[in-house]
Structure formats: structure tokens, C-alpha cells
Amino acid sequence: KPGYVTINGVSVLFSTSITGDHESGDSRVNTTRFGMAGHSDGAEASQFTVNNAIPITGYEFDAEAYTQTHTTITLGFKLGLGRTRTYSGRILSANVSTAPDRASEQTFRFEGRRIS
């Protein structure tokens, strides 16, 4: 079953693709005596890129409005029958594309931290 995202608890129904990336932020610790001696803990961060078809009635979710207001949101991500993971952060970019013989699409990029 395909995954989906929610924004502040509301499903984004017209997503055509979702890409998620989680980074530990850890750094290598290199020493003159041992070479790579281990890692130091870093600040975790998660990013999601969502492509969303735009219905003929207009935006399902206006991501650009969130970039203009600098609003912190809760993004939920559910994949298959698993539980929903939630993140707190912001939509950092939003763009729109349209062309003949192709659905109009909005793409937005979210960055935040996992909260559950």
C-alpha cells in the first residue's frame, strides 16, 4: 500500500510521489594517533519532498503560503500498514509546474525533526 503524508493532521490526497531522508548529523572523529576513532553525536534532521497533483478546483494544499508565513507545521508520514511517524518543522520551498498533456503539479520540501 502506498504511503501518504498529512499536514497538521489532514491527509494530502493527491500526492504523486514522496521522498523522505533522515540524517543523524553525526560527525566522524579523526585523531592523529588512531585515525578514525569513532563518531560524535549530531543534530538529527529529516527532509521530505512531496510532489502533489493540482486538481482542476485548485490547490489541495497551498505549500507556498507556508513558506511566506514561516509557519511551523506537523508532517505525518505513513507507509503501508505501519504506524505514522510525525515530524515538526517547516516547508522551506515550494514550486509549481505545468505543461500541455500533463497534470499540473506542486512540489514542496519540508525539513524538521522527528517527534514520534
C-alpha atoms as a PDB file:
ATOM      1  CA  LYS A   1       0.000   0.000   0.000  1.00  0.00           C
ATOM      2  CA  PRO A   2       1.494   3.386  -0.963  1.00  0.00           C
ATOM      3  CA  GLY A   3       2.486   5.830   1.717  1.00  0.00           C
ATOM      4  CA  TYR A   4       0.968   9.236   2.284  1.00  0.00           C
ATOM      5  CA  VAL A   5       1.591  12.418   4.226  1.00  0.00           C
ATOM      6  CA  THR A   6      -0.568  14.545   6.476  1.00  0.00           C
ATOM      7  CA  ILE A   7      -0.119  18.234   7.197  1.00  0.00           C
ATOM      8  CA  ASN A   8      -1.331  19.234  10.659  1.00  0.00           C
ATOM      9  CA  GLY A   9      -3.403  16.024  10.741  1.00  0.00           C
ATOM     10  CA  VAL A  10      -5.065  16.481   7.325  1.00  0.00           C
ATOM     11  CA  SER A  11      -4.237  13.958   4.568  1.00  0.00           C
ATOM     12  CA  VAL A  12      -2.630  15.255   1.389  1.00  0.00           C
ATOM     13  CA  LEU A  13      -4.623  13.085  -1.018  1.00  0.00           C
ATOM     14  CA  PHE A  14      -3.175  13.949  -4.421  1.00  0.00           C
ATOM     15  CA  SER A  15       0.497  13.139  -3.780  1.00  0.00           C
ATOM     16  CA  THR A  16       2.167  11.569  -6.797  1.00  0.00           C
ATOM     17  CA  SER A  17       5.463  10.817  -5.049  1.00  0.00           C
ATOM     18  CA  ILE A  18       7.019  11.208  -1.605  1.00  0.00           C
ATOM     19  CA  THR A  19      10.728  11.043  -0.832  1.00  0.00           C
ATOM     20  CA  GLY A  20      11.985  11.046   2.742  1.00  0.00           C
ATOM     21  CA  ASP A  21      15.514  11.300   4.093  1.00  0.00           C
ATOM     22  CA  HIS A  22      16.693  11.118   7.708  1.00  0.00           C
ATOM     23  CA  GLU A  23      20.197  12.187   8.711  1.00  0.00           C
ATOM     24  CA  SER A  24      21.844  11.531  12.045  1.00  0.00           C
ATOM     25  CA  GLY A  25      24.048  14.622  11.830  1.00  0.00           C
ATOM     26  CA  ASP A  26      26.850  12.573  13.399  1.00  0.00           C
ATOM     27  CA  SER A  27      30.432  13.566  12.638  1.00  0.00           C
ATOM     28  CA  ARG A  28      33.498  11.391  12.291  1.00  0.00           C
ATOM     29  CA  VAL A  29      36.118  11.834  14.979  1.00  0.00           C
ATOM     30  CA  ASN A  30      39.570  11.606  13.419  1.00  0.00           C
ATOM     31  CA  THR A  31      42.703  11.559  15.550  1.00  0.00           C
ATOM     32  CA  THR A  32      46.371  11.709  14.676  1.00  0.00           C
ATOM     33  CA  ARG A  33      47.077   8.522  16.617  1.00  0.00           C
ATOM     34  CA  PHE A  34      44.133   6.242  15.745  1.00  0.00           C
ATOM     35  CA  GLY A  35      42.804   7.690  12.516  1.00  0.00           C
ATOM     36  CA  MET A  36      39.030   7.373  12.620  1.00  0.00           C
ATOM     37  CA  ALA A  37      38.330   6.907  16.329  1.00  0.00           C
ATOM     38  CA  GLY A  38      34.545   6.938  16.214  1.00  0.00           C
ATOM     39  CA  HIS A  39      31.698   9.392  15.910  1.00  0.00           C
ATOM     40  CA  SER A  40      30.271  12.316  17.834  1.00  0.00           C
ATOM     41  CA  ASP A  41      26.522  12.687  18.092  1.00  0.00           C
ATOM     42  CA  GLY A  42      24.967  15.301  15.862  1.00  0.00           C
ATOM     43  CA  ALA A  43      21.638  17.016  15.422  1.00  0.00           C
ATOM     44  CA  GLU A  44      19.186  14.733  13.632  1.00  0.00           C
ATOM     45  CA  ALA A  45      17.160  16.155  10.778  1.00  0.00           C
ATOM     46  CA  SER A  46      14.546  14.788   8.391  1.00  0.00           C
ATOM     47  CA  GLN A  47      13.610  16.069   4.953  1.00  0.00           C
ATOM     48  CA  PHE A  48      10.631  15.197   2.784  1.00  0.00           C
ATOM     49  CA  THR A  49       9.972  16.166  -0.802  1.00  0.00           C
ATOM     50  CA  VAL A  50       6.343  15.771  -1.861  1.00  0.00           C
ATOM     51  CA  ASN A  51       5.046  16.032  -5.424  1.00  0.00           C
ATOM     52  CA  ASN A  52       1.363  16.801  -5.406  1.00  0.00           C
ATOM     53  CA  ALA A  53      -1.021  16.924  -8.376  1.00  0.00           C
ATOM     54  CA  ILE A  54      -3.140  20.068  -8.530  1.00  0.00           C
ATOM     55  CA  PRO A  55      -6.838  19.247  -9.076  1.00  0.00           C
ATOM     56  CA  ILE A  56      -8.843  21.360 -11.510  1.00  0.00           C
ATOM     57  CA  THR A  57     -10.509  23.002  -8.490  1.00  0.00           C
ATOM     58  CA  GLY A  58      -7.141  24.416  -7.341  1.00  0.00           C
ATOM     59  CA  TYR A  59      -4.563  23.657  -4.703  1.00  0.00           C
ATOM     60  CA  GLU A  60      -5.391  20.899  -2.264  1.00  0.00           C
ATOM     61  CA  PHE A  61      -2.679  22.294  -0.011  1.00  0.00           C
ATOM     62  CA  ASP A  62      -1.001  25.652  -0.675  1.00  0.00           C
ATOM     63  CA  ALA A  63       2.605  24.986   0.318  1.00  0.00           C
ATOM     64  CA  GLU A  64       3.797  28.388  -0.884  1.00  0.00           C
ATOM     65  CA  ALA A  65       1.606  30.092   1.728  1.00  0.00           C
ATOM     66  CA  TYR A  66       3.525  28.224   4.456  1.00  0.00           C
ATOM     67  CA  THR A  67       6.866  29.400   3.050  1.00  0.00           C
ATOM     68  CA  GLN A  68       5.649  33.007   3.137  1.00  0.00           C
ATOM     69  CA  THR A  69       4.364  32.869   6.721  1.00  0.00           C
ATOM     70  CA  HIS A  70       7.307  30.818   8.108  1.00  0.00           C
ATOM     71  CA  THR A  71       4.797  28.589   9.894  1.00  0.00           C
ATOM     72  CA  THR A  72       5.951  25.512  11.819  1.00  0.00           C
ATOM     73  CA  ILE A  73       3.795  22.511  10.914  1.00  0.00           C
ATOM     74  CA  THR A  74       3.404  18.869  11.853  1.00  0.00           C
ATOM     75  CA  LEU A  75       4.016  16.473   8.979  1.00  0.00           C
ATOM     76  CA  GLY A  76       2.864  12.876   9.349  1.00  0.00           C
ATOM     77  CA  PHE A  77       4.194  10.070   7.153  1.00  0.00           C
ATOM     78  CA  LYS A  78       2.519   6.683   6.942  1.00  0.00           C
ATOM     79  CA  LEU A  79       3.870   3.843   4.840  1.00  0.00           C
ATOM     80  CA  GLY A  80       1.935   0.641   4.259  1.00  0.00           C
ATOM     81  CA  LEU A  81       0.303  -0.808   7.350  1.00  0.00           C
ATOM     82  CA  GLY A  82       2.922   0.681   9.669  1.00  0.00           C
ATOM     83  CA  ARG A  83       2.379   3.433  12.154  1.00  0.00           C
ATOM     84  CA  THR A  84       2.522   7.097  11.274  1.00  0.00           C
ATOM     85  CA  ARG A  85       5.743   8.909  12.065  1.00  0.00           C
ATOM     86  CA  THR A  86       5.389  12.594  12.876  1.00  0.00           C
ATOM     87  CA  TYR A  87       7.788  15.462  12.369  1.00  0.00           C
ATOM     88  CA  SER A  88       7.786  19.110  13.399  1.00  0.00           C
ATOM     89  CA  GLY A  89       9.332  21.634  11.052  1.00  0.00           C
ATOM     90  CA  ARG A  90       8.776  23.955   8.130  1.00  0.00           C
ATOM     91  CA  ILE A  91       8.171  23.923   4.420  1.00  0.00           C
ATOM     92  CA  LEU A  92      11.324  25.514   3.051  1.00  0.00           C
ATOM     93  CA  SER A  93      10.484  25.621  -0.641  1.00  0.00           C
ATOM     94  CA  ALA A  94       7.518  25.211  -2.940  1.00  0.00           C
ATOM     95  CA  ASN A  95       7.254  25.261  -6.720  1.00  0.00           C
ATOM     96  CA  VAL A  96       4.639  24.649  -9.370  1.00  0.00           C
ATOM     97  CA  SER A  97       4.980  23.082 -12.809  1.00  0.00           C
ATOM     98  CA  THR A  98       2.511  22.811 -15.644  1.00  0.00           C
ATOM     99  CA  ALA A  99       2.705  21.729 -19.274  1.00  0.00           C
ATOM    100  CA  PRO A 100       0.415  20.523 -22.071  1.00  0.00           C
ATOM    101  CA  ASP A 101      -0.698  16.886 -21.806  1.00  0.00           C
ATOM    102  CA  ARG A 102       0.488  16.674 -18.210  1.00  0.00           C
ATOM    103  CA  ALA A 103      -1.124  17.230 -14.837  1.00  0.00           C
ATOM    104  CA  SER A 104      -0.166  20.453 -13.090  1.00  0.00           C
ATOM    105  CA  GLU A 105       1.912  19.675 -10.043  1.00  0.00           C
ATOM    106  CA  GLN A 106       3.146  21.369  -6.902  1.00  0.00           C
ATOM    107  CA  THR A 107       6.359  20.206  -5.248  1.00  0.00           C
ATOM    108  CA  PHE A 108       7.308  21.165  -1.718  1.00  0.00           C
ATOM    109  CA  ARG A 109      10.281  20.425   0.522  1.00  0.00           C
ATOM    110  CA  PHE A 110       9.852  20.024   4.280  1.00  0.00           C
ATOM    111  CA  GLU A 111      12.640  19.915   6.849  1.00  0.00           C
ATOM    112  CA  GLY A 112      12.220  19.151  10.527  1.00  0.00           C
ATOM    113  CA  ARG A 113      12.809  16.802  13.419  1.00  0.00           C
ATOM    114  CA  ARG A 114      11.070  13.562  14.250  1.00  0.00           C
ATOM    115  CA  ILE A 115       8.781  13.855  17.264  1.00  0.00           C
ATOM    116  CA  SER A 116       7.211  10.353  17.266  1.00  0.00           C
END
